[in-house]
Amino acid sequence: HAAQPLCDGRILVVLKRRFVLIDQDGSSRVVDRVHRGNK
């Protein structure tokens, strides 16, 4: 739903009910949940 490039070169993206951080090598991990709602 959203992709926000960060100052350090990583990208924060929003999927349904969660935030995912994409590292510069393309690996990704869930870093938080959307607390209420889908996005």
Full PDB file with SEQRES, HELIX, SHEET, SSBOND, CRYST1, ORIGX, SCALE, CONECT and MASTER records, all heavy atoms in Angstrom:
SEQRES   1 A   39  HIS ALA ALA GLN PRO LEU CYS ASP GLY ARG ILE LEU VAL          
SEQRES   2 A   39  VAL LEU LYS ARG ARG PHE VAL LEU ILE ASP GLN ASP GLY          
SEQRES   3 A   39  SER SER ARG VAL VAL ASP ARG VAL HIS ARG GLY ASN LYS          
SHEET    1 AA1 4 ALA A   2  PRO A   5  0                                        
SHEET    2 AA1 4 ILE A  11  LEU A  15 -1                                        
SHEET    3 AA1 4 ARG A  18  ILE A  22 -1                                        
SHEET    4 AA1 4 SER A  28  ARG A  33 -1                                        
CRYST1    1.000    1.000    1.000  90.00  90.00  90.00 P 1           1          
ORIGX1      1.000000  0.000000  0.000000        0.00000                         
ORIGX2      0.000000  1.000000  0.000000        0.00000                         
ORIGX3      0.000000  0.000000  1.000000        0.00000                         
SCALE1      1.000000  0.000000  0.000000        0.00000                         
SCALE2      0.000000  1.000000  0.000000        0.00000                         
SCALE3      0.000000  0.000000  1.000000        0.00000                         
ATOM      1  N   HIS A   1       0.797  -1.219   0.000  1.00  0.00           N  
ATOM      2  CA  HIS A   1       0.000   0.000   0.000  1.00  0.00           C  
ATOM      3  C   HIS A   1       0.837   1.280   0.000  1.00  0.00           C  
ATOM      4  O   HIS A   1       0.364   2.320  -0.468  1.00  0.00           O  
ATOM      5  CB  HIS A   1      -0.919   0.014   1.214  1.00  0.00           C  
ATOM      6  CG  HIS A   1      -1.889  -1.118   1.231  1.00  0.00           C  
ATOM      7  ND1 HIS A   1      -2.934  -1.216   0.348  1.00  0.00           N  
ATOM      8  CD2 HIS A   1      -1.951  -2.241   2.009  1.00  0.00           C  
ATOM      9  CE1 HIS A   1      -3.617  -2.325   0.581  1.00  0.00           C  
ATOM     10  NE2 HIS A   1      -3.045  -2.963   1.581  1.00  0.00           N  
ATOM     11  N   ALA A   2       2.036   1.220   0.526  1.00  0.00           N  
ATOM     12  CA  ALA A   2       2.884   2.415   0.596  1.00  0.00           C  
ATOM     13  C   ALA A   2       4.337   1.980   0.642  1.00  0.00           C  
ATOM     14  O   ALA A   2       4.658   0.880   1.128  1.00  0.00           O  
ATOM     15  CB  ALA A   2       2.542   3.252   1.827  1.00  0.00           C  
ATOM     16  N   ALA A   3       5.219   2.837   0.126  1.00  0.00           N  
ATOM     17  CA  ALA A   3       6.661   2.594   0.174  1.00  0.00           C  
ATOM     18  C   ALA A   3       7.360   3.911   0.443  1.00  0.00           C  
ATOM     19  O   ALA A   3       7.220   4.861  -0.339  1.00  0.00           O  
ATOM     20  CB  ALA A   3       7.154   1.988  -1.132  1.00  0.00           C  
ATOM     21  N   GLN A   4       8.079   3.982   1.552  1.00  0.00           N  
ATOM     22  CA  GLN A   4       8.775   5.199   1.939  1.00  0.00           C  
ATOM     23  C   GLN A   4      10.282   4.955   1.989  1.00  0.00           C  
ATOM     24  O   GLN A   4      10.786   4.308   2.912  1.00  0.00           O  
ATOM     25  CB  GLN A   4       8.285   5.680   3.304  1.00  0.00           C  
ATOM     26  CG  GLN A   4       9.042   6.883   3.859  1.00  0.00           C  
ATOM     27  CD  GLN A   4       8.905   8.100   2.977  1.00  0.00           C  
ATOM     28  OE1 GLN A   4       7.802   8.594   2.750  1.00  0.00           O  
ATOM     29  NE2 GLN A   4      10.035   8.604   2.469  1.00  0.00           N  
ATOM     30  N   PRO A   5      11.039   5.432   0.985  1.00  0.00           N  
ATOM     31  CA  PRO A   5      12.498   5.324   1.072  1.00  0.00           C  
ATOM     32  C   PRO A   5      13.009   6.105   2.279  1.00  0.00           C  
ATOM     33  O   PRO A   5      12.554   7.227   2.541  1.00  0.00           O  
ATOM     34  CB  PRO A   5      12.974   5.959  -0.246  1.00  0.00           C  
ATOM     35  CG  PRO A   5      11.805   5.859  -1.174  1.00  0.00           C  
ATOM     36  CD  PRO A   5      10.597   6.021  -0.291  1.00  0.00           C  
ATOM     37  N   LEU A   6      13.936   5.525   3.006  1.00  0.00           N  
ATOM     38  CA  LEU A   6      14.479   6.154   4.202  1.00  0.00           C  
ATOM     39  C   LEU A   6      15.822   6.817   3.910  1.00  0.00           C  
ATOM     40  O   LEU A   6      16.455   6.539   2.879  1.00  0.00           O  
ATOM     41  CB  LEU A   6      14.627   5.117   5.319  1.00  0.00           C  
ATOM     42  CG  LEU A   6      13.342   4.363   5.680  1.00  0.00           C  
ATOM     43  CD1 LEU A   6      13.622   3.318   6.759  1.00  0.00           C  
ATOM     44  CD2 LEU A   6      12.245   5.332   6.139  1.00  0.00           C  
ATOM     45  N   CYS A   7      16.261   7.659   4.813  1.00  0.00           N  
ATOM     46  CA  CYS A   7      17.499   8.409   4.601  1.00  0.00           C  
ATOM     47  C   CYS A   7      18.728   7.508   4.510  1.00  0.00           C  
ATOM     48  O   CYS A   7      19.733   7.889   3.905  1.00  0.00           O  
ATOM     49  CB  CYS A   7      17.685   9.421   5.734  1.00  0.00           C  
ATOM     50  SG  CYS A   7      16.398  10.695   5.797  1.00  0.00           S  
ATOM     51  N   ASP A   8      18.673   6.313   5.094  1.00  0.00           N  
ATOM     52  CA  ASP A   8      19.828   5.411   5.084  1.00  0.00           C  
ATOM     53  C   ASP A   8      19.809   4.421   3.921  1.00  0.00           C  
ATOM     54  O   ASP A   8      20.618   3.497   3.874  1.00  0.00           O  
ATOM     55  CB  ASP A   8      19.915   4.647   6.411  1.00  0.00           C  
ATOM     56  CG  ASP A   8      18.689   3.789   6.685  1.00  0.00           C  
ATOM     57  OD1 ASP A   8      17.834   3.645   5.793  1.00  0.00           O  
ATOM     58  OD2 ASP A   8      18.579   3.247   7.811  1.00  0.00           O  
ATOM     59  N   GLY A   9      18.877   4.588   2.982  1.00  0.00           N  
ATOM     60  CA  GLY A   9      18.838   3.721   1.809  1.00  0.00           C  
ATOM     61  C   GLY A   9      17.890   2.549   1.908  1.00  0.00           C  
ATOM     62  O   GLY A   9      17.620   1.880   0.907  1.00  0.00           O  
ATOM     63  N   ARG A  10      17.359   2.276   3.096  1.00  0.00           N  
ATOM     64  CA  ARG A  10      16.356   1.216   3.229  1.00  0.00           C  
ATOM     65  C   ARG A  10      14.982   1.756   2.845  1.00  0.00           C  
ATOM     66  O   ARG A  10      14.808   2.952   2.647  1.00  0.00           O  
ATOM     67  CB  ARG A  10      16.352   0.680   4.669  1.00  0.00           C  
ATOM     68  CG  ARG A  10      17.665   0.009   5.071  1.00  0.00           C  
ATOM     69  CD  ARG A  10      17.656  -0.457   6.520  1.00  0.00           C  
ATOM     70  NE  ARG A  10      17.518   0.653   7.453  1.00  0.00           N  
ATOM     71  CZ  ARG A  10      17.444   0.513   8.776  1.00  0.00           C  
ATOM     72  NH1 ARG A  10      17.473  -0.700   9.317  1.00  0.00           N  
ATOM     73  NH2 ARG A  10      17.329   1.570   9.567  1.00  0.00           N  
ATOM     74  N   ILE A  11      14.013   0.857   2.727  1.00  0.00           N  
ATOM     75  CA  ILE A  11      12.664   1.253   2.337  1.00  0.00           C  
ATOM     76  C   ILE A  11      11.673   0.663   3.323  1.00  0.00           C  
ATOM     77  O   ILE A  11      11.703  -0.539   3.608  1.00  0.00           O  
ATOM     78  CB  ILE A  11      12.327   0.762   0.911  1.00  0.00           C  
ATOM     79  CG1 ILE A  11      13.326   1.322  -0.104  1.00  0.00           C  
ATOM     80  CG2 ILE A  11      10.903   1.176   0.518  1.00  0.00           C  
ATOM     81  CD1 ILE A  11      13.169   0.732  -1.491  1.00  0.00           C  
ATOM     82  N   LEU A  12      10.808   1.504   3.852  1.00  0.00           N  
ATOM     83  CA  LEU A  12       9.736   1.057   4.740  1.00  0.00           C  
ATOM     84  C   LEU A  12       8.465   0.921   3.916  1.00  0.00           C  
ATOM     85  O   LEU A  12       8.049   1.873   3.247  1.00  0.00           O  
ATOM     86  CB  LEU A  12       9.526   2.068   5.867  1.00  0.00           C  
ATOM     87  CG  LEU A  12       8.492   1.681   6.930  1.00  0.00           C  
ATOM     88  CD1 LEU A  12       8.968   0.482   7.747  1.00  0.00           C  
ATOM     89  CD2 LEU A  12       8.202   2.873   7.854  1.00  0.00           C  
ATOM     90  N   VAL A  13       7.865  -0.263   3.928  1.00  0.00           N  
ATOM     91  CA  VAL A  13       6.647  -0.483   3.152  1.00  0.00           C  
ATOM     92  C   VAL A  13       5.512  -0.899   4.084  1.00  0.00           C  
ATOM     93  O   VAL A  13       5.741  -1.401   5.189  1.00  0.00           O  
ATOM     94  CB  VAL A  13       6.840  -1.535   2.042  1.00  0.00           C  
ATOM     95  CG1 VAL A  13       7.944  -1.127   1.081  1.00  0.00           C  
ATOM     96  CG2 VAL A  13       7.116  -2.906   2.621  1.00  0.00           C  
ATOM     97  N   VAL A  14       4.302  -0.674   3.604  1.00  0.00           N  
ATOM     98  CA  VAL A  14       3.097  -1.043   4.350  1.00  0.00           C  
ATOM     99  C   VAL A  14       2.360  -2.125   3.590  1.00  0.00           C  
ATOM    100  O   VAL A  14       1.998  -1.941   2.426  1.00  0.00           O  
ATOM    101  CB  VAL A  14       2.164   0.166   4.551  1.00  0.00           C  
ATOM    102  CG1 VAL A  14       0.934  -0.257   5.338  1.00  0.00           C  
ATOM    103  CG2 VAL A  14       2.886   1.306   5.258  1.00  0.00           C  
ATOM    104  N   LEU A  15       2.172  -3.269   4.242  1.00  0.00           N  
ATOM    105  CA  LEU A  15       1.291  -4.315   3.760  1.00  0.00           C  
ATOM    106  C   LEU A  15       0.076  -4.341   4.688  1.00  0.00           C  
ATOM    107  O   LEU A  15      -0.003  -3.548   5.625  1.00  0.00           O  
ATOM    108  CB  LEU A  15       1.985  -5.677   3.744  1.00  0.00           C  
ATOM    109  CG  LEU A  15       2.868  -5.952   2.518  1.00  0.00           C  
ATOM    110  CD1 LEU A  15       4.153  -5.151   2.583  1.00  0.00           C  
ATOM    111  CD2 LEU A  15       3.178  -7.443   2.401  1.00  0.00           C  
ATOM    112  N   LYS A  16      -0.832  -5.238   4.435  1.00  0.00           N  
ATOM    113  CA  LYS A  16      -2.013  -5.295   5.279  1.00  0.00           C  
ATOM    114  C   LYS A  16      -1.627  -5.570   6.727  1.00  0.00           C  
ATOM    115  O   LYS A  16      -1.041  -6.594   7.040  1.00  0.00           O  
ATOM    116  CB  LYS A  16      -2.976  -6.369   4.774  1.00  0.00           C  
ATOM    117  CG  LYS A  16      -4.279  -6.440   5.559  1.00  0.00           C  
ATOM    118  CD  LYS A  16      -5.271  -7.389   4.926  1.00  0.00           C  
ATOM    119  CE  LYS A  16      -6.597  -7.373   5.678  1.00  0.00           C  
ATOM    120  NZ  LYS A  16      -7.624  -8.220   5.026  1.00  0.00           N  
ATOM    121  N   ARG A  17      -1.903  -4.599   7.594  1.00  0.00           N  
ATOM    122  CA  ARG A  17      -1.740  -4.702   9.047  1.00  0.00           C  
ATOM    123  C   ARG A  17      -0.290  -4.839   9.509  1.00  0.00           C  
ATOM    124  O   ARG A  17      -0.037  -5.231  10.652  1.00  0.00           O  
ATOM    125  CB  ARG A  17      -2.578  -5.854   9.606  1.00  0.00           C  
ATOM    126  CG  ARG A  17      -4.078  -5.656   9.397  1.00  0.00           C  
ATOM    127  CD  ARG A  17      -4.873  -6.836   9.880  1.00  0.00           C  
ATOM    128  NE  ARG A  17      -6.300  -6.651   9.575  1.00  0.00           N  
ATOM    129  CZ  ARG A  17      -7.193  -7.625   9.572  1.00  0.00           C  
ATOM    130  NH1 ARG A  17      -6.820  -8.861   9.873  1.00  0.00           N  
ATOM    131  NH2 ARG A  17      -8.452  -7.378   9.282  1.00  0.00           N  
ATOM    132  N   ARG A  18       0.682  -4.476   8.678  1.00  0.00           N  
ATOM    133  CA  ARG A  18       2.064  -4.589   9.131  1.00  0.00           C  
ATOM    134  C   ARG A  18       2.994  -3.679   8.332  1.00  0.00           C  
ATOM    135  O   ARG A  18       2.728  -3.325   7.181  1.00  0.00           O  
ATOM    136  CB  ARG A  18       2.557  -6.041   9.040  1.00  0.00           C  
ATOM    137  CG  ARG A  18       2.604  -6.627   7.637  1.00  0.00           C  
ATOM    138  CD  ARG A  18       2.724  -8.143   7.719  1.00  0.00           C  
ATOM    139  NE  ARG A  18       2.936  -8.797   6.441  1.00  0.00           N  
ATOM    140  CZ  ARG A  18       1.977  -9.095   5.582  1.00  0.00           C  
ATOM    141  NH1 ARG A  18       0.716  -8.773   5.850  1.00  0.00           N  
ATOM    142  NH2 ARG A  18       2.260  -9.717   4.440  1.00  0.00           N  
ATOM    143  N   PHE A  19       4.099  -3.306   9.008  1.00  0.00           N  
ATOM    144  CA  PHE A  19       5.175  -2.548   8.393  1.00  0.00           C  
ATOM    145  C   PHE A  19       6.343  -3.490   8.134  1.00  0.00           C  
ATOM    146  O   PHE A  19       6.738  -4.256   9.019  1.00  0.00           O  
ATOM    147  CB  PHE A  19       5.638  -1.415   9.312  1.00  0.00           C  
ATOM    148  CG  PHE A  19       4.614  -0.331   9.500  1.00  0.00           C  
ATOM    149  CD1 PHE A  19       3.726  -0.375  10.574  1.00  0.00           C  
ATOM    150  CD2 PHE A  19       4.533   0.732   8.615  1.00  0.00           C  
ATOM    151  CE1 PHE A  19       2.787   0.628  10.760  1.00  0.00           C  
ATOM    152  CE2 PHE A  19       3.596   1.734   8.791  1.00  0.00           C  
ATOM    153  CZ  PHE A  19       2.715   1.682   9.860  1.00  0.00           C  
ATOM    154  N   VAL A  20       6.895  -3.401   6.944  1.00  0.00           N  
ATOM    155  CA  VAL A  20       8.019  -4.248   6.551  1.00  0.00           C  
ATOM    156  C   VAL A  20       9.177  -3.351   6.142  1.00  0.00           C  
ATOM    157  O   VAL A  20       9.003  -2.385   5.393  1.00  0.00           O  
ATOM    158  CB  VAL A  20       7.632  -5.183   5.388  1.00  0.00           C  
ATOM    159  CG1 VAL A  20       8.840  -5.965   4.893  1.00  0.00           C  
ATOM    160  CG2 VAL A  20       6.519  -6.131   5.822  1.00  0.00           C  
ATOM    161  N   LEU A  21      10.371  -3.671   6.641  1.00  0.00           N  
ATOM    162  CA  LEU A  21      11.570  -2.919   6.304  1.00  0.00           C  
ATOM    163  C   LEU A  21      12.384  -3.716   5.291  1.00  0.00           C  
ATOM    164  O   LEU A  21      12.720  -4.884   5.528  1.00  0.00           O  
ATOM    165  CB  LEU A  21      12.398  -2.655   7.556  1.00  0.00           C  
ATOM    166  CG  LEU A  21      13.616  -1.740   7.392  1.00  0.00           C  
ATOM    167  CD1 LEU A  21      13.183  -0.328   6.997  1.00  0.00           C  
ATOM    168  CD2 LEU A  21      14.431  -1.710   8.689  1.00  0.00           C  
ATOM    169  N   ILE A  22      12.705  -3.076   4.167  1.00  0.00           N  
ATOM    170  CA  ILE A  22      13.498  -3.713   3.116  1.00  0.00           C  
ATOM    171  C   ILE A  22      14.917  -3.165   3.198  1.00  0.00           C  
ATOM    172  O   ILE A  22      15.140  -1.956   3.095  1.00  0.00           O  
ATOM    173  CB  ILE A  22      12.909  -3.440   1.724  1.00  0.00           C  
ATOM    174  CG1 ILE A  22      11.478  -3.965   1.641  1.00  0.00           C  
ATOM    175  CG2 ILE A  22      13.773  -4.073   0.643  1.00  0.00           C  
ATOM    176  CD1 ILE A  22      10.774  -3.596   0.344  1.00  0.00           C  
ATOM    177  N   ASP A  23      15.887  -4.057   3.405  1.00  0.00           N  
ATOM    178  CA  ASP A  23      17.286  -3.650   3.441  1.00  0.00           C  
ATOM    179  C   ASP A  23      17.814  -3.456   2.022  1.00  0.00           C  
ATOM    180  O   ASP A  23      17.181  -3.854   1.033  1.00  0.00           O  
ATOM    181  CB  ASP A  23      18.124  -4.689   4.185  1.00  0.00           C  
ATOM    182  CG  ASP A  23      17.823  -4.696   5.684  1.00  0.00           C  
ATOM    183  OD1 ASP A  23      17.727  -3.597   6.266  1.00  0.00           O  
ATOM    184  OD2 ASP A  23      17.653  -5.788   6.253  1.00  0.00           O  
ATOM    185  N   GLN A  24      19.002  -2.892   1.905  1.00  0.00           N  
ATOM    186  CA  GLN A  24      19.554  -2.572   0.595  1.00  0.00           C  
ATOM    187  C   GLN A  24      19.868  -3.811  -0.231  1.00  0.00           C  
ATOM    188  O   GLN A  24      19.952  -3.727  -1.460  1.00  0.00           O  
ATOM    189  CB  GLN A  24      20.801  -1.703   0.765  1.00  0.00           C  
ATOM    190  CG  GLN A  24      20.482  -0.334   1.364  1.00  0.00           C  
ATOM    191  CD  GLN A  24      21.694   0.569   1.457  1.00  0.00           C  
ATOM    192  OE1 GLN A  24      22.527   0.603   0.570  1.00  0.00           O  
ATOM    193  NE2 GLN A  24      21.795   1.321   2.541  1.00  0.00           N  
ATOM    194  N   ASP A  25      20.021  -4.967   0.413  1.00  0.00           N  
ATOM    195  CA  ASP A  25      20.265  -6.199  -0.330  1.00  0.00           C  
ATOM    196  C   ASP A  25      18.969  -6.895  -0.747  1.00  0.00           C  
ATOM    197  O   ASP A  25      19.000  -7.997  -1.316  1.00  0.00           O  
ATOM    198  CB  ASP A  25      21.135  -7.163   0.488  1.00  0.00           C  
ATOM    199  CG  ASP A  25      20.462  -7.605   1.795  1.00  0.00           C  
ATOM    200  OD1 ASP A  25      19.307  -7.181   2.050  1.00  0.00           O  
ATOM    201  OD2 ASP A  25      21.088  -8.367   2.554  1.00  0.00           O  
ATOM    202  N   GLY A  26      17.817  -6.291  -0.454  1.00  0.00           N  
ATOM    203  CA  GLY A  26      16.537  -6.863  -0.844  1.00  0.00           C  
ATOM    204  C   GLY A  26      15.892  -7.745   0.205  1.00  0.00           C  
ATOM    205  O   GLY A  26      14.737  -8.149   0.042  1.00  0.00           O  
ATOM    206  N   SER A  27      16.601  -8.053   1.278  1.00  0.00           N  
ATOM    207  CA  SER A  27      15.998  -8.835   2.355  1.00  0.00           C  
ATOM    208  C   SER A  27      14.989  -7.969   3.102  1.00  0.00           C  
ATOM    209  O   SER A  27      15.097  -6.743   3.121  1.00  0.00           O  
ATOM    210  CB  SER A  27      17.073  -9.345   3.319  1.00  0.00           C  
ATOM    211  OG  SER A  27      17.775  -8.267   3.907  1.00  0.00           O  
ATOM    212  N   SER A  28      14.010  -8.608   3.721  1.00  0.00           N  
ATOM    213  CA  SER A  28      12.957  -7.844   4.382  1.00  0.00           C  
ATOM    214  C   SER A  28      12.533  -8.515   5.678  1.00  0.00           C  
ATOM    215  O   SER A  28      12.733  -9.720   5.864  1.00  0.00           O  
ATOM    216  CB  SER A  28      11.753  -7.688   3.456  1.00  0.00           C  
ATOM    217  OG  SER A  28      11.206  -8.943   3.128  1.00  0.00           O  
ATOM    218  N   ARG A  29      11.926  -7.727   6.558  1.00  0.00           N  
ATOM    219  CA  ARG A  29      11.458  -8.246   7.845  1.00  0.00           C  
ATOM    220  C   ARG A  29      10.334  -7.363   8.356  1.00  0.00           C  
ATOM    221  O   ARG A  29      10.319  -6.147   8.114  1.00  0.00           O  
ATOM    222  CB  ARG A  29      12.591  -8.275   8.861  1.00  0.00           C  
ATOM    223  CG  ARG A  29      13.334  -6.952   8.938  1.00  0.00           C  
ATOM    224  CD  ARG A  29      14.600  -7.042   9.739  1.00  0.00           C  
ATOM    225  NE  ARG A  29      15.546  -6.028   9.330  1.00  0.00           N  
ATOM    226  CZ  ARG A  29      16.494  -5.527  10.109  1.00  0.00           C  
ATOM    227  NH1 ARG A  29      16.616  -5.960  11.362  1.00  0.00           N  
ATOM    228  NH2 ARG A  29      17.327  -4.626   9.660  1.00  0.00           N  
ATOM    229  N   VAL A  30       9.397  -7.972   9.051  1.00  0.00           N  
ATOM    230  CA  VAL A  30       8.326  -7.226   9.693  1.00  0.00           C  
ATOM    231  C   VAL A  30       8.904  -6.526  10.917  1.00  0.00           C  
ATOM    232  O   VAL A  30       9.528  -7.162  11.769  1.00  0.00           O  
ATOM    233  CB  VAL A  30       7.156  -8.154  10.102  1.00  0.00           C  
ATOM    234  CG1 VAL A  30       6.106  -7.367  10.874  1.00  0.00           C  
ATOM    235  CG2 VAL A  30       6.544  -8.812   8.876  1.00  0.00           C  
ATOM    236  N   VAL A  31       8.698  -5.207  11.014  1.00  0.00           N  
ATOM    237  CA  VAL A  31       9.250  -4.454  12.146  1.00  0.00           C  
ATOM    238  C   VAL A  31       8.166  -3.949  13.095  1.00  0.00           C  
ATOM    239  O   VAL A  31       8.458  -3.561  14.225  1.00  0.00           O  
ATOM    240  CB  VAL A  31      10.114  -3.269  11.662  1.00  0.00           C  
ATOM    241  CG1 VAL A  31      11.374  -3.777  10.992  1.00  0.00           C  
ATOM    242  CG2 VAL A  31       9.332  -2.351  10.728  1.00  0.00           C  
ATOM    243  N   ASP A  32       6.914  -3.943  12.646  1.00  0.00           N  
ATOM    244  CA  ASP A  32       5.835  -3.519  13.532  1.00  0.00           C  
ATOM    245  C   ASP A  32       4.508  -3.892  12.886  1.00  0.00           C  
ATOM    246  O   ASP A  32       4.446  -4.196  11.689  1.00  0.00           O  
ATOM    247  CB  ASP A  32       5.872  -2.009  13.782  1.00  0.00           C  
ATOM    248  CG  ASP A  32       5.233  -1.614  15.120  1.00  0.00           C  
ATOM    249  OD1 ASP A  32       4.531  -2.465  15.714  1.00  0.00           O  
ATOM    250  OD2 ASP A  32       5.426  -0.472  15.549  1.00  0.00           O  
ATOM    251  N   ARG A  33       3.465  -3.856  13.687  1.00  0.00           N  
ATOM    252  CA  ARG A  33       2.107  -4.088  13.210  1.00  0.00           C  
ATOM    253  C   ARG A  33       1.363  -2.765  13.125  1.00  0.00           C  
ATOM    254  O   ARG A  33       1.625  -1.856  13.913  1.00  0.00           O  
ATOM    255  CB  ARG A  33       1.359  -5.042  14.146  1.00  0.00           C  
ATOM    256  CG  ARG A  33       1.999  -6.420  14.237  1.00  0.00           C  
ATOM    257  CD  ARG A  33       1.746  -7.222  12.967  1.00  0.00           C  
ATOM    258  NE  ARG A  33       2.537  -8.447  12.936  1.00  0.00           N  
ATOM    259  CZ  ARG A  33       2.491  -9.332  11.937  1.00  0.00           C  
ATOM    260  NH1 ARG A  33       1.690  -9.104  10.908  1.00  0.00           N  
ATOM    261  NH2 ARG A  33       3.239 -10.412  11.963  1.00  0.00           N  
ATOM    262  N   VAL A  34       0.471  -2.661  12.175  1.00  0.00           N  
ATOM    263  CA  VAL A  34      -0.443  -1.529  12.160  1.00  0.00           C  
ATOM    264  C   VAL A  34      -1.368  -1.725  13.348  1.00  0.00           C  
ATOM    265  O   VAL A  34      -2.063  -2.740  13.444  1.00  0.00           O  
ATOM    266  CB  VAL A  34      -1.239  -1.475  10.840  1.00  0.00           C  
ATOM    267  CG1 VAL A  34      -2.270  -0.362  10.878  1.00  0.00           C  
ATOM    268  CG2 VAL A  34      -0.286  -1.280   9.659  1.00  0.00           C  
ATOM    269  N   HIS A  35      -1.361  -0.791  14.272  1.00  0.00           N  
ATOM    270  CA  HIS A  35      -1.994  -1.030  15.563  1.00  0.00           C  
ATOM    271  C   HIS A  35      -3.504  -1.195  15.475  1.00  0.00           C  
ATOM    272  O   HIS A  35      -4.089  -2.030  16.160  1.00  0.00           O  
ATOM    273  CB  HIS A  35      -1.613   0.103  16.528  1.00  0.00           C  
ATOM    274  CG  HIS A  35      -0.159   0.117  16.855  1.00  0.00           C  
ATOM    275  ND1 HIS A  35       0.792   0.705  16.043  1.00  0.00           N  
ATOM    276  CD2 HIS A  35       0.523  -0.422  17.883  1.00  0.00           C  
ATOM    277  CE1 HIS A  35       1.988   0.529  16.575  1.00  0.00           C  
ATOM    278  NE2 HIS A  35       1.854  -0.140  17.691  1.00  0.00           N  
ATOM    279  N   ARG A  36      -4.166  -0.393  14.617  1.00  0.00           N  
ATOM    280  CA  ARG A  36      -5.613  -0.530  14.411  1.00  0.00           C  
ATOM    281  C   ARG A  36      -5.898  -0.259  12.941  1.00  0.00           C  
ATOM    282  O   ARG A  36      -5.359   0.681  12.357  1.00  0.00           O  
ATOM    283  CB  ARG A  36      -6.398   0.432  15.309  1.00  0.00           C  
ATOM    284  CG  ARG A  36      -6.423   0.005  16.783  1.00  0.00           C  
ATOM    285  CD  ARG A  36      -7.062   1.059  17.674  1.00  0.00           C  
ATOM    286  NE  ARG A  36      -6.179   2.188  17.889  1.00  0.00           N  
ATOM    287  CZ  ARG A  36      -5.989   2.766  19.080  1.00  0.00           C  
ATOM    288  NH1 ARG A  36      -6.622   2.318  20.147  1.00  0.00           N  
ATOM    289  NH2 ARG A  36      -5.194   3.801  19.216  1.00  0.00           N  
ATOM    290  N   GLY A  37      -6.765  -1.089  12.361  1.00  0.00           N  
ATOM    291  CA  GLY A  37      -7.063  -0.949  10.948  1.00  0.00           C  
ATOM    292  C   GLY A  37      -6.112  -1.747  10.081  1.00  0.00           C  
ATOM    293  O   GLY A  37      -5.217  -2.448  10.573  1.00  0.00           O  
ATOM    294  N   ASN A  38      -6.295  -1.634   8.766  1.00  0.00           N  
ATOM    295  CA  ASN A  38      -5.453  -2.368   7.819  1.00  0.00           C  
ATOM    296  C   ASN A  38      -4.190  -1.618   7.438  1.00  0.00           C  
ATOM    297  O   ASN A  38      -3.143  -2.213   7.209  1.00  0.00           O  
ATOM    298  CB  ASN A  38      -6.245  -2.681   6.547  1.00  0.00           C  
ATOM    299  CG  ASN A  38      -7.332  -3.709   6.773  1.00  0.00           C  
ATOM    300  OD1 ASN A  38      -7.098  -4.732   7.418  1.00  0.00           O  
ATOM    301  ND2 ASN A  38      -8.527  -3.445   6.260  1.00  0.00           N  
ATOM    302  N   LYS A  39      -4.280  -0.273   7.377  1.00  0.00           N  
ATOM    303  CA  LYS A  39      -3.169   0.529   6.874  1.00  0.00           C  
ATOM    304  C   LYS A  39      -3.458   2.008   7.143  1.00  0.00           C  
ATOM    305  O   LYS A  39      -4.608   2.381   7.359  1.00  0.00           O  
ATOM    306  CB  LYS A  39      -3.006   0.331   5.362  1.00  0.00           C  
ATOM    307  CG  LYS A  39      -4.260   0.690   4.567  1.00  0.00           C  
ATOM    308  CD  LYS A  39      -4.124   0.366   3.096  1.00  0.00           C  
ATOM    309  CE  LYS A  39      -5.389   0.718   2.315  1.00  0.00           C  
ATOM    310  NZ  LYS A  39      -5.718   2.155   2.358  1.00  0.00           N  
TER     311      LYS A  39                                                      
MASTER        0    0    0    0    4    0    0    6  310    1    0    3          
END                                                                             
